């Protein structure tokens, strides 16, 4: 099990765990991509030992694709309680509970929208960075052979 396997993570990301509480194959792949990006000492990476720096555009692309999947799920799963909350706020419109439910739903929707915007920007940045590394690598190689 990885460091992600906490009760909170299981609650927030039930899709990432099987019935036994272990990460699914998809979640392990995402964990590997996340670890590669977060680790300065990843295979061939820098890490301060004087070994230079390297970037893996494929890992960046994978992370961008994973981010895109999270973004898509956020737009559906993040709004899962909207209908039920609307019923509560409508049914109890004359009660403070109904007004509070409506206010909470509005705040939740704002948070989901803000998080979606951030995830969308992250997705684009990861993809653009992968593309830039590939283009720069090609240009550098062409400079040495030309």
Protein backbone atom coordinates (compact mmCIF):
# COMPACT_ATOMS: atom_id res chain seq x y z
CA UNK A 1 0.00 0.00 0.00
CA UNK A 2 1.18 3.51 -0.72
CA UNK A 3 1.24 6.57 1.48
CA UNK A 4 -2.10 7.49 -0.10
CA UNK A 5 -3.89 4.64 1.64
CA UNK A 6 -5.46 6.66 4.41
CA UNK A 7 -9.07 6.57 5.49
CA UNK A 8 -9.53 10.11 4.18
CA UNK A 9 -8.07 9.27 0.79
CA UNK A 10 -10.28 6.19 0.52
CA UNK A 11 -13.31 8.32 1.31
CA UNK A 12 -12.37 11.04 -1.19
CA UNK A 13 -11.16 8.66 -3.93
CA UNK A 14 -13.18 5.45 -3.65
CA UNK A 15 -12.50 4.72 -7.33
CA UNK A 16 -8.80 4.29 -6.52
CA UNK A 17 -9.26 1.32 -4.17
CA UNK A 18 -10.46 -2.23 -4.60
CA UNK A 19 -12.69 -4.11 -2.13
CA UNK A 20 -9.63 -5.06 -0.04
CA UNK A 21 -8.52 -1.44 0.31
CA UNK A 22 -5.58 -1.74 -2.09
CA UNK A 23 -4.89 0.71 -4.89
CA UNK A 24 -6.31 -0.37 -8.25
CA UNK A 25 -4.01 -0.83 -11.24
CA UNK A 26 -5.11 2.53 -12.64
CA UNK A 27 -4.47 4.28 -9.33
CA UNK A 28 -1.02 2.65 -9.05
CA UNK A 29 -0.15 3.93 -12.53
CA UNK A 30 -1.26 7.42 -11.54
CA UNK A 31 0.72 7.13 -8.31
CA UNK A 32 3.83 6.19 -10.32
CA UNK A 33 3.39 9.21 -12.60
CA UNK A 34 2.84 11.48 -9.59
CA UNK A 35 5.92 10.10 -7.84
CA UNK A 36 8.08 10.59 -10.94
CA UNK A 37 7.02 14.19 -11.24
CA UNK A 38 7.39 14.93 -7.52
CA UNK A 39 10.75 13.23 -7.13
CA UNK A 40 13.88 15.13 -8.06
CA UNK A 41 15.76 11.85 -7.80
CA UNK A 42 13.51 9.97 -10.25
CA UNK A 43 15.27 7.75 -12.78
CA UNK A 44 17.93 9.97 -14.33
CA UNK A 45 16.74 12.98 -12.34
CA UNK A 46 18.73 15.72 -10.69
CA UNK A 47 18.40 15.54 -6.94
CA UNK A 48 21.37 17.72 -6.03
CA UNK A 49 24.03 15.06 -6.50
CA UNK A 50 25.57 16.86 -9.45
CA UNK A 51 23.98 14.38 -11.86
CA UNK A 52 22.15 17.03 -13.85
CA UNK A 53 18.45 17.21 -14.50
CA UNK A 54 16.17 15.28 -16.76
CA UNK A 55 12.48 15.48 -17.51
CA UNK A 56 10.25 12.72 -18.79
CA UNK A 57 7.74 14.19 -21.26
CA UNK A 58 5.84 10.89 -21.24
CA UNK A 59 5.37 11.14 -17.47
CA UNK A 60 4.20 14.74 -17.90
CA UNK A 61 1.75 13.64 -20.60
CA UNK A 62 0.48 10.82 -18.37
CA UNK A 63 0.03 13.25 -15.49
CA UNK A 64 -1.82 15.63 -17.82
CA UNK A 65 -4.12 12.83 -18.95
CA UNK A 66 -4.75 11.82 -15.34
CA UNK A 67 -5.47 15.43 -14.46
CA UNK A 68 -7.91 15.63 -17.35
CA UNK A 69 -9.73 12.53 -16.06
CA UNK A 70 -9.95 14.05 -12.59
CA UNK A 71 -11.31 17.24 -14.13
CA UNK A 72 -14.00 15.33 -16.03
CA UNK A 73 -14.99 13.39 -12.92
CA UNK A 74 -15.10 16.55 -10.84
CA UNK A 75 -17.64 18.07 -13.20
CA UNK A 76 -19.95 15.06 -12.72
CA UNK A 77 -19.16 13.57 -9.31
CA UNK A 78 -18.61 16.97 -7.72
CA UNK A 79 -22.18 17.89 -8.46
CA UNK A 80 -23.73 14.63 -7.30
CA UNK A 81 -25.61 16.18 -4.39
CA UNK A 82 -27.07 19.12 -6.35
CA UNK A 83 -30.46 17.55 -7.04
CA UNK A 84 -30.99 16.28 -3.49
CA UNK A 85 -29.86 19.59 -2.00
CA UNK A 86 -32.22 21.50 -4.31
CA UNK A 87 -35.10 19.32 -3.09
CA UNK A 88 -34.21 20.00 0.54
CA UNK A 89 -33.86 23.74 0.02
CA UNK A 90 -37.15 23.89 -1.93
CA UNK A 91 -39.05 21.67 0.50
CA UNK A 92 -37.81 23.59 3.51
CA UNK A 93 -37.70 27.04 1.90
CA UNK A 94 -39.44 28.69 4.86
CA UNK A 95 -37.08 27.10 7.38
CA UNK A 96 -33.53 28.09 8.21
CA UNK A 97 -32.47 24.55 7.23
CA UNK A 98 -33.68 25.08 3.67
CA UNK A 99 -31.94 28.42 3.39
CA UNK A 100 -28.75 26.94 4.83
CA UNK A 101 -28.90 24.04 2.36
CA UNK A 102 -29.26 26.50 -0.52
CA UNK A 103 -26.33 28.55 0.77
CA UNK A 104 -24.17 25.46 1.25
CA UNK A 105 -25.00 24.27 -2.27
CA UNK A 106 -24.02 27.64 -3.70
CA UNK A 107 -20.74 27.65 -1.81
CA UNK A 108 -20.05 24.05 -2.85
CA UNK A 109 -20.69 24.87 -6.52
CA UNK A 110 -18.29 27.83 -6.31
CA UNK A 111 -15.62 25.59 -4.77
CA UNK A 112 -16.12 22.90 -7.42
CA UNK A 113 -15.91 25.53 -10.16
CA UNK A 114 -12.72 27.03 -8.69
CA UNK A 115 -11.11 23.61 -8.28
CA UNK A 116 -12.16 22.67 -11.81
CA UNK A 117 -10.50 25.80 -13.13
CA UNK A 118 -7.28 25.01 -11.28
CA UNK A 119 -7.26 21.40 -12.46
CA UNK A 120 -7.96 22.51 -16.03
CA UNK A 121 -5.02 24.93 -15.88
CA UNK A 122 -2.81 22.21 -14.43
CA UNK A 123 -3.80 19.82 -17.21
CA UNK A 124 -2.92 22.37 -19.88
CA UNK A 125 0.36 23.28 -18.18
CA UNK A 126 1.45 19.64 -17.94
CA UNK A 127 0.67 19.03 -21.60
CA UNK A 128 2.34 22.25 -22.73
CA UNK A 129 5.44 21.46 -20.69
CA UNK A 130 5.66 17.96 -22.20
CA UNK A 131 5.33 19.44 -25.69
CA UNK A 132 7.99 22.08 -24.93
CA UNK A 133 10.44 19.45 -23.67
CA UNK A 134 9.89 17.36 -26.79
CA UNK A 135 10.35 20.35 -29.11
CA UNK A 136 13.47 21.54 -27.30
CA UNK A 137 14.97 18.06 -27.32
CA UNK A 138 14.36 17.77 -31.07
CA UNK A 139 15.82 21.21 -31.71
CA UNK A 140 18.89 20.41 -29.60
CA UNK A 141 19.45 17.10 -31.39
CA UNK A 142 19.03 18.80 -34.77
CA UNK A 143 21.60 21.43 -33.73
CA UNK A 144 24.18 18.74 -32.98
CA UNK A 145 23.59 16.87 -36.23
CA UNK A 146 23.21 19.89 -38.50
